Protein backbone atom coordinates (compact mmCIF):
# COMPACT_ATOMS: atom_id res chain seq x y z
CA MET A 1 0.00 0.00 0.00
CA LYS A 2 1.35 3.43 -0.97
CA ILE A 3 2.34 5.81 1.85
CA GLU A 4 -0.06 8.42 0.50
CA THR A 5 -2.97 5.97 0.89
CA LYS A 6 -1.75 4.90 4.33
CA ASN A 7 -1.65 8.53 5.46
CA ARG A 8 -5.22 9.12 4.28
CA ILE A 9 -6.39 6.03 6.16
CA LEU A 10 -4.45 7.16 9.24
CA LEU A 11 -6.11 10.60 9.07
CA PHE A 12 -9.53 8.97 8.80
CA ILE A 13 -8.92 6.57 11.71
CA GLY A 14 -7.60 9.45 13.82
CA ASP A 15 -10.69 11.55 13.07
CA VAL A 16 -13.02 8.68 14.02
CA PHE A 17 -11.05 8.12 17.23
CA PHE A 18 -11.21 11.78 18.25
CA LEU A 19 -14.92 12.02 17.42
CA TYR A 20 -15.66 9.34 20.03
CA ILE A 21 -13.07 10.65 22.49
CA SER A 22 -14.63 14.11 22.27
CA LEU A 23 -18.08 12.61 22.86
CA PHE A 24 -16.74 10.82 25.95
CA PHE A 25 -15.28 14.07 27.33
CA THR A 26 -18.49 15.91 26.44
CA LEU A 27 -20.57 13.49 28.53
CA LEU A 28 -17.98 13.64 31.30
CA ILE A 29 -18.27 17.44 31.46
CA ARG A 30 -22.04 17.52 30.96
CA TYR A 31 -22.83 15.01 33.72
CA GLN A 32 -19.87 15.94 35.94
CA GLY A 33 -18.53 12.43 36.06
CA LEU A 34 -18.91 8.95 34.63
CA PRO A 35 -22.45 7.60 34.19
CA PRO A 36 -23.55 4.80 36.56
CA GLY A 37 -22.53 1.37 35.33
CA PHE A 38 -19.59 2.66 33.25
CA PRO A 39 -18.36 1.38 30.82
CA ILE A 40 -21.46 -0.68 29.94
CA SER A 41 -23.99 1.95 30.96
CA PRO A 42 -27.19 1.75 28.81
CA SER A 43 -27.35 5.55 28.53
CA LEU A 44 -23.74 5.66 27.37
CA ARG A 45 -24.42 3.03 24.70
CA GLU A 46 -27.43 5.00 23.47
CA PHE A 47 -25.42 8.21 23.14
CA PHE A 48 -22.66 6.44 21.23
CA PHE A 49 -25.18 4.66 18.99
CA TYR A 50 -27.17 7.75 17.94
CA PHE A 51 -24.11 9.94 17.62
CA SER A 52 -22.47 7.32 15.38
CA TRP A 53 -24.98 8.09 12.62
CA LEU A 54 -24.23 11.79 12.99
CA PHE A 55 -20.49 11.08 12.90
CA LEU A 56 -20.89 9.37 9.53
CA ILE A 57 -22.40 12.59 8.18
CA TRP A 58 -19.62 14.69 9.70
CA LEU A 59 -16.93 12.42 8.21
CA PHE A 60 -18.61 12.86 4.84
CA PHE A 61 -18.38 16.64 5.29
CA LEU A 62 -14.66 16.35 6.09
CA TRP A 63 -14.13 14.30 2.93
CA MET A 64 -16.20 16.72 0.85
CA LEU A 65 -14.09 19.62 2.14
CA ASP A 66 -10.81 17.93 1.12
CA PHE A 67 -9.50 17.13 4.60
CA TYR A 68 -8.31 13.74 3.33
CA SER A 69 -6.68 15.01 0.13
CA LEU A 70 -3.36 15.89 1.87
CA LYS A 71 -3.53 19.26 0.07
CA LEU A 72 -4.66 21.33 3.05
CA LYS A 73 -1.87 22.56 5.28
CA VAL A 74 -2.81 23.04 8.92
CA GLY A 75 -2.91 26.75 9.71
CA SER A 76 -3.43 27.84 6.10
CA VAL A 77 -6.27 30.18 5.11
CA ASP A 78 -8.01 27.38 3.21
CA PHE A 79 -7.74 25.06 6.22
CA PHE A 80 -9.55 27.49 8.51
CA ARG A 81 -12.04 28.49 5.80
CA PHE A 82 -13.03 24.90 5.09
CA PHE A 83 -13.07 23.98 8.78
CA SER A 84 -15.41 26.92 9.47
CA ILE A 85 -17.70 25.51 6.79
CA PHE A 86 -17.45 22.10 8.48
CA ILE A 87 -18.48 23.57 11.85
CA PHE A 88 -21.47 25.30 10.25
CA LEU A 89 -22.56 22.11 8.47
CA SER A 90 -22.05 20.08 11.65
CA LEU A 91 -24.22 22.43 13.69
CA LEU A 92 -26.90 22.42 10.99
CA SER A 93 -26.90 18.64 10.56
CA GLY A 94 -26.85 18.10 14.35
CA ALA A 95 -29.85 20.40 14.82
CA LEU A 96 -31.79 18.65 12.06
CA TYR A 97 -30.80 15.20 13.30
CA PHE A 98 -31.79 15.64 16.93
CA TYR A 99 -34.36 18.40 17.03
CA LEU A 100 -36.43 16.91 14.24
CA GLN A 101 -36.50 13.62 16.14
CA PRO A 102 -37.88 14.61 19.56
CA ASN A 103 -38.77 11.00 20.43
CA LEU A 104 -35.19 9.75 20.53
CA PRO A 105 -34.28 8.13 23.88
CA VAL A 106 -31.38 10.58 24.25
CA SER A 107 -31.88 14.29 24.83
CA PRO A 108 -28.72 15.99 23.56
CA LYS A 109 -29.80 19.64 23.61
CA ALA A 110 -26.47 21.43 24.02
CA ILE A 111 -24.42 18.22 24.13
CA PHE A 112 -23.77 18.06 20.40
CA ILE A 113 -22.63 21.72 20.42
CA LEU A 114 -20.15 20.93 23.19
CA GLU A 115 -19.12 17.85 21.20
CA ILE A 116 -18.31 20.04 18.18
CA VAL A 117 -16.28 22.46 20.31
CA ILE A 118 -14.19 19.70 21.92
CA PHE A 119 -13.75 17.83 18.65
CA SER A 120 -12.62 21.03 16.92
CA LEU A 121 -9.84 21.49 19.48
CA LEU A 122 -8.78 17.84 19.31
CA PHE A 123 -9.02 17.84 15.51
CA PHE A 124 -6.77 20.88 15.18
CA GLY A 125 -4.22 19.37 17.59
CA TRP A 126 -4.31 16.00 15.82
CA ARG A 127 -3.86 17.55 12.36
CA ARG A 128 -1.08 19.81 13.66
CA LEU A 129 0.74 16.74 15.04
CA PHE A 130 0.24 14.86 11.78
CA ASP A 131 1.54 17.82 9.76
CA PHE A 132 4.55 18.15 12.09
CA LEU A 133 5.47 14.49 11.64
CA LEU A 134 5.37 14.92 7.86
CA LYS A 135 7.47 18.08 7.99
CA ASP A 136 9.94 16.24 10.22
CA GLN A 137 10.32 13.72 7.37
CA LYS A 138 8.88 10.91 9.50
CA GLY A 139 6.59 8.65 7.54
CA LYS A 140 7.61 10.25 4.24
CA GLU A 141 8.34 8.17 1.18
CA LYS A 142 11.82 8.90 -0.18
CA ILE A 143 11.69 9.31 -3.95
CA LEU A 144 14.65 9.74 -6.25
CA ILE A 145 13.95 11.68 -9.48
CA LEU A 146 16.55 10.96 -12.14
CA GLY A 147 17.13 13.23 -15.12
CA SER A 148 15.66 16.55 -16.16
CA HIS A 149 12.15 17.46 -17.23
CA PRO A 150 10.56 20.79 -18.25
CA GLU A 151 7.81 20.36 -15.64
CA LEU A 152 9.99 19.18 -12.76
CA GLN A 153 10.04 22.55 -10.99
CA ASN A 154 6.27 22.83 -11.29
CA LEU A 155 5.92 19.40 -9.67
CA ILE A 156 8.24 20.30 -6.79
CA PHE A 157 6.39 23.58 -6.20
CA THR A 158 3.02 21.76 -6.15
CA LEU A 159 4.21 19.13 -3.67
CA GLN A 160 5.79 21.72 -1.38
CA LYS A 161 2.53 23.70 -1.23
CA ALA A 162 0.61 20.70 0.11
CA SER A 163 1.13 18.03 2.76
CA PHE A 164 2.19 15.22 0.45
CA PRO A 165 4.10 12.39 2.18
CA TYR A 166 7.10 12.59 -0.13
CA GLN A 167 10.73 13.56 0.31
CA LEU A 168 12.15 14.25 -3.15
CA ILE A 169 15.81 13.88 -4.08
CA CYS A 170 16.53 15.14 -7.61
CA ILE A 171 19.67 14.23 -9.56
CA GLN A 172 20.08 15.55 -13.07
CA ASN A 173 23.78 14.89 -13.69
CA PHE A 174 25.78 11.87 -12.56
CA ASN A 175 28.85 9.92 -13.65
CA SER A 176 27.65 6.31 -13.41
CA THR A 177 24.76 4.10 -12.39
CA SER A 178 26.80 2.74 -9.50
CA GLU A 179 26.91 6.27 -8.11
CA ILE A 180 23.11 6.35 -8.18
CA LEU A 181 22.89 2.96 -6.48
CA LYS A 182 25.09 4.20 -3.64
CA ILE A 183 22.69 7.15 -3.12
CA ILE A 184 19.70 4.77 -3.17
CA GLU A 185 21.31 2.62 -0.48
CA LYS A 186 22.49 5.55 1.65
CA GLU A 187 19.22 7.50 1.52
CA LYS A 188 17.05 4.36 1.67
CA ILE A 189 15.20 5.36 -1.47
CA GLN A 190 11.84 3.61 -1.91
CA LYS A 191 11.04 4.67 -5.47
CA VAL A 192 12.88 5.93 -8.53
CA VAL A 193 11.09 8.26 -10.94
CA PHE A 194 12.61 8.55 -14.41
CA ALA A 195 12.30 12.13 -15.64
CA ASP A 196 14.30 11.20 -18.72
CA LYS A 197 14.04 8.31 -21.17
CA VAL A 198 14.86 4.97 -19.57
CA GLU A 199 17.23 4.09 -22.42
CA ASN A 200 19.43 6.94 -21.23
CA PHE A 201 20.23 4.79 -18.18
CA LYS A 202 22.23 1.93 -19.64
CA GLU A 203 22.03 -0.13 -16.48
CA ALA A 204 18.39 0.56 -15.65
CA SER A 205 17.90 -3.14 -14.88
CA LEU A 206 19.88 -2.57 -11.69
CA PHE A 207 16.81 -0.79 -10.30
CA GLN A 208 14.76 -3.99 -10.41
CA LYS A 209 14.72 -4.34 -6.63
CA ILE A 210 13.08 -0.94 -6.20
CA GLU A 211 9.78 0.52 -7.39
CA ILE A 212 10.06 2.44 -10.67
CA GLU A 213 7.63 4.98 -12.10
CA SER A 214 7.68 7.30 -15.10
CA PHE A 215 7.70 11.04 -14.49
CA THR A 216 4.42 11.45 -16.40
CA ASN A 217 2.58 8.91 -14.22
CA PHE A 218 4.05 10.32 -11.00
CA TYR A 219 3.20 13.90 -11.99
CA GLU A 220 -0.35 12.96 -12.97
CA ARG A 221 -1.00 10.85 -9.88
CA THR A 222 0.27 13.42 -7.36
CA THR A 223 -0.97 16.67 -8.92
CA GLN A 224 -4.11 15.15 -10.48
CA LYS A 225 -3.50 17.02 -13.69
CA VAL A 226 -1.81 16.04 -16.96
CA PRO A 227 1.69 17.34 -17.83
CA LEU A 228 1.38 19.03 -21.22
CA SER A 229 4.71 17.61 -22.34
CA ALA A 230 3.15 14.12 -22.24
CA LEU A 231 0.92 15.07 -25.17
CA ASN A 232 3.95 14.96 -27.45
CA ASP A 233 3.91 11.18 -27.03
CA VAL A 234 1.49 9.56 -29.49
CA ARG A 235 1.02 6.60 -27.14
CA TYR A 236 -0.26 8.94 -24.45
CA LEU A 237 -2.63 10.66 -26.88
CA GLU A 238 -4.28 7.31 -27.55
CA ASP A 239 -5.99 7.56 -24.14
CA PHE A 240 -7.99 10.52 -25.45
CA SER A 241 -9.09 8.83 -28.67
CA LYS A 242 -11.06 6.06 -26.96
CA GLU A 243 -14.83 6.12 -27.24
CA GLU A 244 -16.86 6.99 -24.15
CA ASN A 245 -18.47 4.09 -22.36
CA LYS A 246 -22.08 3.97 -23.54
CA SER A 247 -23.51 3.01 -20.16
CA TYR A 248 -21.63 5.94 -18.59
CA VAL A 249 -23.02 8.37 -21.18
CA VAL A 250 -26.60 7.13 -20.61
CA LEU A 251 -26.27 7.17 -16.80
CA LYS A 252 -24.79 10.67 -16.87
CA ARG A 253 -27.58 11.96 -19.12
CA ILE A 254 -30.27 10.47 -16.86
CA PHE A 255 -28.62 12.16 -13.86
CA ASP A 256 -28.50 15.49 -15.72
CA ILE A 257 -32.17 15.35 -16.73
CA ILE A 258 -33.47 14.36 -13.28
CA PHE A 259 -31.50 16.94 -11.31
CA SER A 260 -31.88 19.77 -13.82
CA VAL A 261 -35.67 19.32 -13.74
CA LEU A 262 -35.66 19.19 -9.94
CA GLY A 263 -33.42 22.27 -9.80
CA LEU A 264 -35.62 24.24 -12.20
CA LEU A 265 -38.76 23.36 -10.23
CA ILE A 266 -37.38 23.87 -6.72
CA LEU A 267 -35.35 27.01 -7.45
CA ALA A 268 -37.91 28.65 -9.74
CA ILE A 269 -39.18 30.67 -6.75
CA PHE A 270 -35.92 32.69 -6.80
CA TYR A 271 -36.12 33.66 -10.47
CA PRO A 272 -38.57 36.62 -10.23
CA PHE A 273 -36.79 38.09 -7.20
CA ILE A 274 -33.39 37.84 -8.91
CA ALA A 275 -34.80 39.38 -12.09
CA ILE A 276 -36.32 42.33 -10.19
CA ALA A 277 -33.08 42.91 -8.25
CA ILE A 278 -31.04 42.94 -11.49
CA LYS A 279 -33.38 45.44 -13.18
CA ILE A 280 -33.44 47.76 -10.15
CA ASP A 281 -29.67 47.63 -9.68
CA SER A 282 -28.57 48.50 -13.23
CA PRO A 283 -30.00 49.06 -16.72
CA GLY A 284 -29.83 46.18 -19.18
CA PRO A 285 -31.30 42.72 -19.77
CA VAL A 286 -31.94 40.20 -16.99
CA PHE A 287 -30.11 37.39 -18.76
CA PHE A 288 -26.58 37.30 -20.14
CA ILE A 289 -26.59 35.19 -23.29
CA GLN A 290 -23.31 34.22 -24.90
CA GLU A 291 -22.16 31.76 -27.55
CA ARG A 292 -20.07 29.01 -25.99
CA VAL A 293 -18.18 26.01 -27.38
CA GLY A 294 -19.52 22.56 -26.48
CA LYS A 295 -18.65 18.95 -27.13
CA ASN A 296 -17.13 18.23 -30.56
CA ARG A 297 -16.77 22.02 -30.96
CA LYS A 298 -20.50 22.47 -31.33
CA PHE A 299 -21.65 26.02 -30.49
CA PHE A 300 -24.58 26.76 -28.20
CA ARG A 301 -26.15 29.75 -26.43
CA SER A 302 -25.38 29.80 -22.71
CA TYR A 303 -27.84 31.46 -20.30
CA LYS A 304 -26.86 33.17 -17.04
CA PHE A 305 -28.29 35.94 -14.89
CA ARG A 306 -26.46 39.15 -15.78
CA SER A 307 -23.90 40.04 -13.12
CA MET A 308 -21.96 42.80 -14.95
CA TYR A 309 -22.91 46.20 -16.33
CA SER A 310 -24.18 46.09 -19.92
CA SER A 311 -21.51 47.35 -22.28
CA LYS A 312 -20.35 47.00 -25.86
CA ARG A 313 -17.05 45.73 -24.44
CA GLU A 314 -18.70 42.43 -23.50
CA GLU A 315 -18.39 41.40 -27.16
CA THR A 316 -14.77 42.52 -27.59
CA ASP A 317 -12.96 42.48 -24.22
CA LEU A 318 -11.65 38.95 -23.67
CA TRP A 319 -10.67 39.52 -20.03
CA ARG A 320 -13.38 41.91 -18.92
CA GLU A 321 -13.83 40.03 -15.64
CA LYS A 322 -10.43 41.28 -14.48
CA ASN A 323 -12.03 44.64 -13.78
CA LYS A 324 -14.07 44.11 -10.61
CA LYS A 325 -15.71 47.53 -11.12
CA GLU A 326 -17.61 46.02 -14.05
CA ILE A 327 -19.51 43.73 -11.67
CA THR A 328 -22.79 45.13 -10.34
CA ARG A 329 -23.74 45.14 -6.66
CA VAL A 330 -26.36 42.44 -7.22
CA GLY A 331 -23.88 40.65 -9.47
CA LYS A 332 -21.38 40.33 -6.62
CA PHE A 333 -24.01 38.58 -4.51
CA LEU A 334 -25.14 36.36 -7.39
CA ARG A 335 -21.58 35.27 -8.11
CA ALA A 336 -20.76 34.66 -4.47
CA THR A 337 -23.80 32.40 -4.11
CA HIS A 338 -23.57 31.01 -7.69
CA LEU A 339 -27.19 32.02 -8.25
CA ASP A 340 -26.14 33.66 -11.53
CA GLU A 341 -25.67 30.15 -12.93
CA LEU A 342 -29.23 28.94 -12.26
CA PRO A 343 -30.44 29.53 -15.86
CA GLN A 344 -27.77 27.09 -17.03
CA LEU A 345 -29.99 24.32 -15.67
CA LEU A 346 -31.95 24.89 -18.88
CA ASN A 347 -28.77 24.28 -20.89
CA ILE A 348 -28.28 21.03 -18.97
CA LEU A 349 -31.85 19.93 -19.66
CA LYS A 350 -31.40 20.72 -23.37
CA GLY A 351 -28.20 18.66 -23.46
CA ASP A 352 -25.79 21.51 -24.23
CA LEU A 353 -24.19 21.16 -20.81
CA SER A 354 -23.76 18.50 -18.16
CA PHE A 355 -23.52 19.05 -14.42
CA VAL A 356 -19.87 17.94 -14.56
CA GLY A 357 -17.35 18.65 -17.31
CA PRO A 358 -14.81 21.20 -18.57
CA ARG A 359 -15.91 24.83 -18.41
CA PRO A 360 -17.71 25.91 -21.62
CA GLU A 361 -15.50 28.68 -23.03
CA TRP A 362 -16.71 31.76 -24.87
CA LYS A 363 -16.25 31.25 -28.62
CA LYS A 364 -13.75 34.12 -28.97
CA LEU A 365 -11.67 32.95 -26.02
CA ALA A 366 -11.72 29.36 -27.28
CA GLU A 367 -10.37 30.51 -30.66
CA LYS A 368 -7.52 32.32 -28.88
CA PHE A 369 -6.68 29.29 -26.72
CA GLU A 370 -6.75 26.95 -29.72
CA LYS A 371 -3.97 29.04 -31.28
CA GLU A 372 -1.85 29.44 -28.15
CA ILE A 373 -2.34 26.17 -26.21
CA PRO A 374 -1.16 22.97 -27.95
CA PHE A 375 -3.75 20.18 -28.25
CA TYR A 376 -6.50 22.42 -26.87
CA PHE A 377 -8.99 20.63 -29.14
CA LEU A 378 -8.85 17.65 -26.73
CA ARG A 379 -11.19 19.56 -24.39
CA TYR A 380 -13.97 19.05 -26.91
CA LYS A 381 -13.87 15.29 -26.28
CA ALA A 382 -16.16 15.80 -23.27
CA LYS A 383 -19.40 17.66 -22.81
CA PRO A 384 -18.79 20.93 -20.88
CA GLY A 385 -20.19 21.22 -17.38
CA LEU A 386 -21.65 23.56 -14.80
CA THR A 387 -18.83 22.45 -12.54
CA GLY A 388 -15.74 20.37 -13.16
CA TRP A 389 -12.35 19.15 -12.01
CA ALA A 390 -10.57 22.31 -13.21
CA GLN A 391 -13.24 24.56 -11.68
CA LEU A 392 -12.77 22.83 -8.32
CA ASN A 393 -9.01 23.31 -8.32
CA LEU A 394 -8.65 26.78 -9.86
CA PRO A 395 -10.64 30.04 -10.14
CA PRO A 396 -11.81 31.34 -13.56
CA SER A 397 -8.79 32.06 -15.76
CA THR A 398 -7.89 35.65 -16.63
CA SER A 399 -4.91 34.89 -18.89
CA THR A 400 -3.70 32.28 -21.34
CA GLU A 401 -1.20 30.94 -18.78
CA GLU A 402 -3.97 30.36 -16.24
CA ALA A 403 -6.12 28.74 -18.94
CA LYS A 404 -3.21 26.45 -19.77
CA GLU A 405 -3.07 25.13 -16.19
CA LYS A 406 -6.85 24.64 -16.12
CA PHE A 407 -6.48 22.73 -19.38
CA GLN A 408 -4.19 20.28 -17.55
CA TYR A 409 -6.95 19.56 -15.02
CA ASP A 410 -9.50 19.22 -17.82
CA LEU A 411 -7.30 16.62 -19.51
CA TYR A 412 -7.04 14.68 -16.25
CA TYR A 413 -10.84 14.66 -15.99
CA ILE A 414 -11.31 13.56 -19.62
CA LYS A 415 -8.77 10.77 -19.19
CA HIS A 416 -10.31 9.47 -15.96
CA GLN A 417 -13.98 10.38 -16.39
CA SER A 418 -16.48 7.97 -14.86
CA PHE A 419 -19.81 8.28 -13.12
CA ILE A 420 -18.15 7.85 -9.71
CA PHE A 421 -15.64 10.60 -10.52
CA ASP A 422 -18.54 12.83 -11.63
CA LEU A 423 -20.34 12.22 -8.32
CA VAL A 424 -17.18 13.08 -6.37
CA ILE A 425 -16.81 16.37 -8.29
CA PHE A 426 -20.53 17.14 -7.96
CA LEU A 427 -20.52 16.59 -4.19
CA LYS A 428 -17.28 18.49 -3.64
CA SER A 429 -18.67 21.38 -5.69
CA LEU A 430 -21.33 21.84 -2.99
CA ARG A 431 -18.64 23.30 -0.74
CA LYS A 432 -18.38 26.27 -3.12
CA ILE A 433 -21.93 27.21 -2.23
CA PHE A 434 -20.98 27.45 1.45
CA GLY A 435 -17.45 28.77 0.81
């Protein structure tokens, strides 16, 4: 089992452990001592039983908010932002769970609030300890990267930003393979990543006792995006020429139809209020309609609630969103809550969009990217989506360089797309509504 997987499992087990420990301390504080008959007290068993169902929901929230991705560093802005969302969701779910079931044999009242407070303290301490052990190189997998690669620095920067359990040792120039073997033995290397062609290492067979991985696979697996240099290999491009699984296409379309209809019906109550607010706030139409590029480079008209001032520049200025002054007061609220995207449910119902897929680009921007980003046409292999893997990992692009990085995430999605992956992206996108 890979160290990265072991660390995720360890984080999960630790969270489960501290959920129950915090419940124990909560009851200890609430009842000023151990309940009669401890540790087989009936009341204690009931509390642990009913809270267990709530804990499952809370663990799902932690997963949804990326606390098992190893990308969140303890103490970072994102860590506290996502944990604040977790606390809010925990309070909400706890209130619904207990207060909507008044006939439960346990009467938690303020107990679950105290549970959240104690767990929050233990959780922060536990994650801080885990992060410290990784920083101290304990439990890290030692990886030797041999050779040079144009995207090596980008990989190192990405891994340093997050809490990945790797200690990288990079060697670009060396005199002999025996020199490399001495380093492997001395540093206790567990894996060798070839950043150059294997044939450049005449005695590559000497690495047979150690795990070997190509730079492309290692880069893709750790960053969850595709290195653009890999597209120069025809064998790699073959992965994007395969036909979509028919059952996946049908299942995805059924999902899109059901939830777009439900969304249109349930959220229709907001439409007139949003329309009135837009008209009062600034002159111009209620809807912003723009030609976007869809699957197989098919054009379609995308519908959104207008969030910017009406201007002739909207048809000529490629990066108009850079200027925050162009966004209306109502538009700022609509964007923050993603309510401006509600009309796109109609695009999903029509089949222009899916809930999950690459972002549908404006026709003029797409034409620019096609000229400046190699193999950009590969994006058109998948139906664009309301949310997607690139949208989860990066904000909207405001330059070609930013679009190029988002393209890497889009390629990863296209290469690995499945209904399960779509569900993961869809569920994780819910955090944006609260974030």
